[in-house]
Amino acid sequence: MERTYFITGFPGFISKHLLLKILDNEMSFQKIYLLVLPNTEKQCRDFLFTLDQKYPYYALLKIELLSGDITKKNFGLSLKNLNVLFNDLTDLFHLAAIYDLAVPKKIAYEVNVKGTINVNEFALKLKSLKRYTYFSTSYVSGTREGKIYEHELEMGQTFKNFYEETKYYAEREVEKLKTQLPITIIRPGIVVGHSETGETSKFDGPYFILNFFTKLRYLPIPQIGKDNAYCNFIPIDYLINAVYYLSHAEIGVNKTYQITDPSPYLVQDVYKDFLSYYLNKTTVGNIPIKFISPLLSIPFIRRLLKVEKEVLSYFNCKSEYDCMNTLTDLQNTSIKCPDFKDILPVITHYYKVHKTVIEKHVLFK
């Protein structure tokens, strides 16, 4: 039976790469439905038009944009579309979410929790469903420290921001369905650009460090904090290769996978390496995080440095993410997480070349 895909969260960075992975591997699929917000429809069509030279025309004709919204029941789709989807869909990928550390609670709850409940209700109506793959985050662990295991979720944790909190509650809703549906839960680390090209759509996450360096490039640059926190960065190609395999393999049914760096580096070491590759400099002195945090509470400073205040909490996040499920189920494949220090020069170079592209930067308030 040919697969029929339904992907939410398009045209996000991860969903775009997932689409390309499907096109690269499955020219015999029946259909790919992409749920897109009405105000992004033109952007999505423009992106699809760029694919016509790489992929056969007949394959692109099998991609259909559906204008809808996960915060609405049945996404606001027509009864005609719903009847087709309920009968034909085999693979559901739910990626739509608010991926903003500074997001207000009400908006985060509306999209991340209520939206996921709507996707769950939709999934329960699918008559041909082979897999429901839900994208969570490894940071549903919140403020927990020490080793975090893939089977753990409800551990009495608190949260650093509303993004973490609402993704936690959303994952709880998906977890409840494991007895009723073939589900795979994906908990990515912080996703960075492609390991070979460095390509990324947004300079957020670790790229805030490079923004900071850019503004202070003519000054001595201090180390930020002294805590032994670990990085949790993974390149987009590793994530997509792992997800594609695990979401199609029978072994992935009703599993939760933390797709994280199995050999993470300390944040302080990566900070120094970024500075070395980007500006050929070394750190001078140290500034405690408690002195930086009040400064980033000032909107003007945030806009000047292009750094979110919320990112500071990850400089002293002493969590280690066990990914044994992921490593075990990928062990007979060629899919391996690259050493982050090996790809750091590529990531840095891409930022250097594209740092003036306004669309790649987060809009600071």
Protein backbone atom coordinates (compact mmCIF):
# COMPACT_ATOMS: atom_id res chain seq x y z
CA MET A 1 0.00 0.00 0.00
CA GLU A 2 1.41 3.36 -1.03
CA ARG A 3 1.76 5.84 1.82
CA THR A 4 -0.26 9.02 2.17
CA TYR A 5 1.36 11.65 4.38
CA PHE A 6 -0.08 14.52 6.39
CA ILE A 7 2.37 17.04 7.87
CA THR A 8 1.54 19.95 10.18
CA GLY A 9 3.89 22.86 10.79
CA PHE A 10 4.83 23.55 7.17
CA PRO A 11 6.79 25.59 6.04
CA GLY A 12 8.89 25.30 9.20
CA PHE A 13 12.58 24.39 9.03
CA ILE A 14 12.13 20.80 10.20
CA SER A 15 8.97 20.14 8.18
CA LYS A 16 10.64 21.37 4.98
CA HIS A 17 13.51 18.95 5.48
CA LEU A 18 11.09 16.14 6.28
CA LEU A 19 9.26 16.80 3.01
CA LEU A 20 12.53 16.70 1.07
CA LYS A 21 13.49 13.44 2.78
CA ILE A 22 10.22 11.84 1.72
CA LEU A 23 10.69 13.08 -1.85
CA ASP A 24 14.26 11.76 -1.90
CA ASN A 25 13.24 8.31 -0.70
CA GLU A 26 9.71 7.60 -1.87
CA MET A 27 8.74 8.49 -5.40
CA SER A 28 5.92 5.94 -5.15
CA PHE A 29 3.97 7.65 -2.37
CA GLN A 30 0.28 8.27 -3.00
CA LYS A 31 -0.01 11.82 -1.67
CA ILE A 32 1.55 14.37 0.69
CA TYR A 33 -0.81 16.81 2.39
CA LEU A 34 0.77 19.87 4.00
CA LEU A 35 -1.34 21.76 6.53
CA VAL A 36 -0.44 25.44 6.23
CA LEU A 37 -1.74 28.61 7.84
CA PRO A 38 -3.67 30.80 5.37
CA ASN A 39 -1.15 33.65 5.65
CA THR A 40 1.73 31.34 4.62
CA GLU A 41 0.07 29.77 1.58
CA LYS A 42 1.90 31.91 -0.99
CA GLN A 43 5.24 31.32 0.76
CA CYS A 44 4.57 27.57 0.67
CA ARG A 45 3.67 27.57 -3.02
CA ASP A 46 6.78 29.57 -3.84
CA PHE A 47 8.89 26.99 -2.00
CA LEU A 48 7.28 24.09 -3.86
CA PHE A 49 7.97 25.82 -7.19
CA THR A 50 11.69 25.83 -6.33
CA LEU A 51 11.62 22.01 -6.23
CA ASP A 52 10.52 21.47 -9.83
CA GLN A 53 14.06 21.13 -11.20
CA LYS A 54 15.18 18.58 -8.61
CA TYR A 55 12.12 16.34 -8.44
CA PRO A 56 9.93 14.83 -11.17
CA TYR A 57 6.86 16.84 -12.01
CA TYR A 58 4.57 13.90 -11.25
CA ALA A 59 5.94 13.75 -7.70
CA LEU A 60 5.28 17.44 -7.05
CA LEU A 61 1.73 17.04 -8.39
CA LYS A 62 1.15 14.65 -5.50
CA ILE A 63 1.78 17.40 -2.94
CA GLU A 64 -1.30 19.31 -1.83
CA LEU A 65 -1.46 22.36 0.41
CA LEU A 66 -4.39 22.45 2.81
CA SER A 67 -5.13 25.83 4.36
CA GLY A 68 -6.03 25.29 8.01
CA ASP A 69 -5.20 25.83 11.66
CA ILE A 70 -4.51 23.22 14.35
CA THR A 71 -6.22 25.38 16.97
CA LYS A 72 -9.54 24.73 15.20
CA LYS A 73 -11.52 21.49 15.34
CA ASN A 74 -10.60 19.37 12.31
CA PHE A 75 -8.27 22.28 11.45
CA GLY A 76 -11.17 24.13 9.81
CA LEU A 77 -10.98 21.82 6.77
CA SER A 78 -13.95 21.10 4.50
CA LEU A 79 -15.99 17.93 4.96
CA LYS A 80 -14.91 16.83 1.48
CA ASN A 81 -11.21 17.08 2.40
CA LEU A 82 -11.79 15.42 5.76
CA ASN A 83 -13.52 12.40 4.24
CA VAL A 84 -10.55 11.81 1.93
CA LEU A 85 -8.07 12.23 4.78
CA PHE A 86 -9.98 9.98 7.18
CA ASN A 87 -9.96 7.17 4.61
CA ASP A 88 -6.54 7.53 3.00
CA LEU A 89 -3.99 8.89 5.49
CA THR A 90 -1.33 6.40 6.56
CA ASP A 91 1.32 8.64 8.14
CA LEU A 92 0.67 11.67 10.34
CA PHE A 93 3.54 13.96 11.35
CA HIS A 94 2.62 16.64 13.88
CA LEU A 95 5.26 19.38 14.00
CA ALA A 96 3.15 22.55 14.30
CA ALA A 97 3.99 24.41 17.51
CA ILE A 98 5.18 27.72 18.89
CA TYR A 99 8.97 27.29 19.12
CA ASP A 100 9.69 30.49 21.03
CA LEU A 101 11.31 30.49 24.47
CA ALA A 102 9.74 33.89 25.20
CA VAL A 103 6.21 32.96 24.11
CA PRO A 104 3.34 34.14 26.39
CA LYS A 105 1.47 31.35 28.19
CA LYS A 106 -1.92 31.90 26.54
CA ILE A 107 -0.57 31.66 22.99
CA ALA A 108 1.67 28.70 23.86
CA TYR A 109 -1.24 26.80 25.41
CA GLU A 110 -3.57 27.56 22.51
CA VAL A 111 -1.17 26.22 19.88
CA ASN A 112 0.96 23.64 21.67
CA VAL A 113 -1.63 22.01 23.93
CA LYS A 114 -5.05 22.71 22.43
CA GLY A 115 -3.62 22.30 18.93
CA THR A 116 -2.16 18.90 19.83
CA ILE A 117 -5.46 17.77 21.37
CA ASN A 118 -7.13 18.64 18.05
CA VAL A 119 -4.49 16.65 16.14
CA ASN A 120 -5.04 13.71 18.51
CA GLU A 121 -8.79 13.77 17.86
CA PHE A 122 -8.08 13.90 14.13
CA ALA A 123 -5.68 10.94 14.41
CA LEU A 124 -8.32 8.80 16.14
CA LYS A 125 -10.55 9.13 13.05
CA LEU A 126 -7.93 7.89 10.56
CA LYS A 127 -8.97 4.47 9.24
CA SER A 128 -5.67 3.56 7.53
CA LEU A 129 -3.18 5.04 10.01
CA LYS A 130 0.18 3.27 10.14
CA ARG A 131 2.03 5.82 12.28
CA TYR A 132 1.41 9.02 14.20
CA THR A 133 4.75 10.75 14.75
CA TYR A 134 4.65 13.56 17.27
CA PHE A 135 7.45 16.10 17.65
CA SER A 136 7.98 17.03 21.28
CA THR A 137 11.24 18.38 22.75
CA SER A 138 13.85 16.96 25.08
CA TYR A 139 13.16 20.00 27.27
CA VAL A 140 9.87 18.60 28.56
CA SER A 141 12.26 17.68 31.40
CA GLY A 142 12.00 21.32 32.53
CA THR A 143 14.27 22.19 35.45
CA ARG A 144 15.22 18.58 36.23
CA GLU A 145 18.95 17.90 36.50
CA GLY A 146 21.09 14.82 36.05
CA LYS A 147 20.29 11.94 33.70
CA ILE A 148 16.99 12.25 31.83
CA TYR A 149 15.65 9.00 30.37
CA GLU A 150 13.37 8.51 27.38
CA HIS A 151 10.69 6.67 29.36
CA GLU A 152 10.40 9.54 31.86
CA LEU A 153 7.84 12.31 31.48
CA GLU A 154 5.75 13.08 34.56
CA MET A 155 8.45 13.59 37.19
CA GLY A 156 7.05 16.54 39.16
CA GLN A 157 9.26 18.98 37.26
CA THR A 158 8.87 22.73 36.96
CA PHE A 159 9.75 24.65 33.80
CA LYS A 160 12.06 27.41 32.63
CA ASN A 161 9.50 28.92 30.25
CA PHE A 162 6.03 28.42 28.80
CA TYR A 163 7.41 26.71 25.70
CA GLU A 164 8.75 23.85 27.83
CA GLU A 165 5.63 23.73 30.00
CA THR A 166 3.12 23.57 27.16
CA LYS A 167 5.15 21.02 25.19
CA TYR A 168 5.17 18.87 28.34
CA TYR A 169 1.38 19.01 28.65
CA ALA A 170 1.03 18.35 24.92
CA GLU A 171 3.25 15.26 25.12
CA ARG A 172 1.17 13.97 28.02
CA GLU A 173 -1.88 14.14 25.76
CA VAL A 174 -0.13 12.15 23.01
CA GLU A 175 1.26 9.62 25.50
CA LYS A 176 -2.31 8.73 26.53
CA LEU A 177 -3.02 7.47 23.00
CA LYS A 178 -0.24 4.88 22.88
CA THR A 179 -2.74 2.17 23.82
CA GLN A 180 -5.00 3.14 20.91
CA LEU A 181 -2.73 4.26 18.07
CA PRO A 182 0.71 3.38 16.60
CA ILE A 183 2.63 6.37 17.97
CA THR A 184 6.25 7.51 17.84
CA ILE A 185 7.24 10.45 20.03
CA ILE A 186 10.32 12.42 19.00
CA ARG A 187 12.15 14.60 21.54
CA PRO A 188 14.81 16.52 19.62
CA GLY A 189 17.59 18.47 21.22
CA ILE A 190 18.29 22.01 19.98
CA VAL A 191 18.38 21.78 16.19
CA VAL A 192 21.17 23.55 14.30
CA GLY A 193 22.04 23.75 10.61
CA HIS A 194 23.00 20.98 8.22
CA SER A 195 26.22 19.22 9.19
CA GLU A 196 27.66 19.51 5.67
CA THR A 197 26.39 22.91 4.51
CA GLY A 198 25.48 24.69 7.74
CA GLU A 199 22.17 25.75 6.17
CA THR A 200 19.48 26.83 8.63
CA SER A 201 16.36 28.97 8.41
CA LYS A 202 16.66 30.88 11.71
CA PHE A 203 19.53 32.15 13.81
CA ASP A 204 18.15 31.15 17.19
CA GLY A 205 19.36 28.73 19.89
CA PRO A 206 23.17 28.61 19.79
CA TYR A 207 23.22 31.29 17.10
CA PHE A 208 22.34 33.82 19.81
CA ILE A 209 25.93 33.31 20.99
CA LEU A 210 27.18 34.38 17.56
CA ASN A 211 24.84 37.38 17.61
CA PHE A 212 26.38 38.36 20.95
CA PHE A 213 29.90 38.00 19.56
CA THR A 214 28.99 40.08 16.50
CA LYS A 215 27.94 43.06 18.61
CA LEU A 216 31.01 42.84 20.87
CA ARG A 217 33.54 41.89 18.21
CA TYR A 218 35.76 44.93 18.83
CA LEU A 219 35.76 44.43 22.62
CA PRO A 220 37.22 41.83 24.98
CA ILE A 221 34.60 39.08 25.21
CA PRO A 222 34.05 37.43 28.60
CA GLN A 223 33.01 33.90 29.43
CA ILE A 224 29.36 33.74 30.58
CA GLY A 225 28.95 31.79 33.82
CA LYS A 226 30.98 28.91 35.20
CA ASP A 227 28.47 26.08 35.43
CA ASN A 228 29.22 22.65 34.00
CA ALA A 229 26.14 22.55 31.78
CA TYR A 230 26.06 20.34 28.70
CA CYS A 231 25.07 21.34 25.18
CA ASN A 232 22.23 19.51 23.49
CA PHE A 233 22.75 20.46 19.83
CA ILE A 234 21.97 18.22 16.85
CA PRO A 235 22.23 19.00 13.12
CA ILE A 236 19.03 18.97 11.08
CA ASP A 237 20.20 16.17 8.78
CA TYR A 238 20.83 13.78 11.69
CA LEU A 239 17.39 14.56 13.12
CA ILE A 240 15.59 14.03 9.82
CA ASN A 241 17.45 10.83 8.93
CA ALA A 242 16.71 9.40 12.36
CA VAL A 243 13.05 10.46 12.33
CA TYR A 244 12.42 9.13 8.84
CA TYR A 245 13.81 5.73 9.75
CA LEU A 246 12.21 5.43 13.19
CA SER A 247 8.80 6.64 11.99
CA HIS A 248 8.67 3.96 9.30
CA ALA A 249 10.31 1.03 11.10
CA GLU A 250 8.03 -1.29 13.10
CA ILE A 251 10.48 -1.10 15.98
CA GLY A 252 9.50 2.55 16.46
CA VAL A 253 5.85 1.89 17.34
CA ASN A 254 4.90 3.26 20.77
CA LYS A 255 8.45 4.37 21.53
CA THR A 256 9.75 7.72 22.72
CA TYR A 257 13.08 8.82 21.27
CA GLN A 258 15.35 11.54 22.60
CA ILE A 259 17.27 12.52 19.50
CA THR A 260 20.10 14.26 21.25
CA ASP A 261 23.89 14.33 21.15
CA PRO A 262 25.11 11.06 22.73
CA SER A 263 28.49 12.67 23.51
CA PRO A 264 27.66 16.29 24.37
CA TYR A 265 30.21 18.98 25.13
CA LEU A 266 30.15 21.52 27.93
CA VAL A 267 28.46 24.81 27.02
CA GLN A 268 31.57 26.70 28.12
CA ASP A 269 33.76 24.73 25.71
CA VAL A 270 31.41 25.26 22.77
CA TYR A 271 31.17 28.97 23.62
CA LYS A 272 34.98 29.25 23.43
CA ASP A 273 35.12 27.27 20.19
CA PHE A 274 32.47 29.46 18.57
CA LEU A 275 34.49 32.53 19.56
CA SER A 276 37.69 31.01 18.19
CA TYR A 277 36.19 30.01 14.82
CA TYR A 278 34.14 33.17 14.41
CA LEU A 279 36.48 35.93 15.58
CA ASN A 280 39.76 34.11 16.18
CA LYS A 281 39.66 35.31 19.79
CA THR A 282 39.77 33.84 23.29
CA THR A 283 37.62 34.81 26.25
CA VAL A 284 38.77 37.43 28.73
CA GLY A 285 37.44 37.13 32.28
CA ASN A 286 34.06 35.86 33.37
CA ILE A 287 30.65 37.45 33.97
CA PRO A 288 28.17 35.57 36.19
CA ILE A 289 24.80 34.89 34.57
CA LYS A 290 23.04 36.73 37.40
CA PHE A 291 24.57 39.99 36.12
CA ILE A 292 23.62 39.35 32.49
CA SER A 293 20.00 38.41 33.14
CA PRO A 294 18.84 41.88 34.35
CA LEU A 295 20.44 43.49 31.30
CA LEU A 296 18.51 41.22 28.94
CA SER A 297 15.31 42.18 30.72
CA ILE A 298 15.69 45.56 29.00
CA PRO A 299 14.10 45.43 25.51
CA PHE A 300 16.68 47.81 24.01
CA ILE A 301 19.57 45.57 25.15
CA ARG A 302 17.87 42.44 23.79
CA ARG A 303 17.37 44.10 20.41
CA LEU A 304 20.92 45.44 20.40
CA LEU A 305 22.59 42.11 21.22
CA LYS A 306 19.95 39.98 19.44
CA VAL A 307 19.82 37.61 22.41
CA GLU A 308 16.72 36.34 24.22
CA LYS A 309 16.87 36.51 28.01
CA GLU A 310 15.38 33.00 28.24
CA VAL A 311 18.41 31.44 26.56
CA LEU A 312 20.54 32.15 29.64
CA SER A 313 18.83 29.40 31.63
CA TYR A 314 20.35 26.86 29.24
CA PHE A 315 23.86 28.03 30.13
CA ASN A 316 23.45 26.39 33.52
CA CYS A 317 21.02 23.58 32.65
CA LYS A 318 22.68 20.51 34.19
CA SER A 319 20.62 17.91 32.35
CA GLU A 320 22.08 14.94 30.48
CA TYR A 321 19.74 13.37 27.95
CA ASP A 322 19.99 9.62 27.65
CA CYS A 323 19.25 8.49 24.09
CA MET A 324 19.62 4.73 24.38
CA ASN A 325 16.33 3.99 22.58
CA THR A 326 17.53 6.07 19.65
CA LEU A 327 21.03 4.58 19.55
CA THR A 328 19.77 1.01 19.93
CA ASP A 329 17.15 1.26 17.20
CA LEU A 330 19.55 3.01 14.80
CA GLN A 331 22.48 0.67 15.45
CA ASN A 332 21.96 -1.38 12.28
CA THR A 333 21.80 1.73 10.10
CA SER A 334 24.40 4.23 8.92
CA ILE A 335 22.64 7.04 10.80
CA LYS A 336 25.02 8.49 13.38
CA CYS A 337 25.11 11.81 15.21
CA PRO A 338 28.22 13.71 14.08
CA ASP A 339 30.66 15.06 16.63
CA PHE A 340 29.49 18.63 17.26
CA LYS A 341 33.04 20.00 17.30
CA ASP A 342 33.51 18.59 13.80
CA ILE A 343 30.55 20.53 12.43
CA LEU A 344 31.07 23.70 14.45
CA PRO A 345 33.28 25.33 11.76
CA VAL A 346 30.58 24.67 9.14
CA ILE A 347 27.84 26.09 11.36
CA THR A 348 29.96 29.17 12.10
CA HIS A 349 30.87 29.75 8.46
CA TYR A 350 27.22 29.66 7.38
CA TYR A 351 26.41 32.27 10.00
CA LYS A 352 29.31 34.47 8.85
CA VAL A 353 28.09 34.40 5.26
CA HIS A 354 24.39 34.92 6.02
CA LYS A 355 24.35 37.05 9.18
CA THR A 356 23.15 40.12 7.26
CA VAL A 357 20.04 38.31 5.98
CA ILE A 358 17.33 39.93 8.10
CA GLU A 359 14.82 37.11 7.56
CA LYS A 360 17.11 34.65 9.32
CA HIS A 361 17.14 36.60 12.57
CA VAL A 362 14.58 36.39 15.34
CA LEU A 363 12.41 39.49 15.73
CA PHE A 364 13.12 40.90 19.20
CA LYS A 365 10.55 42.85 21.18
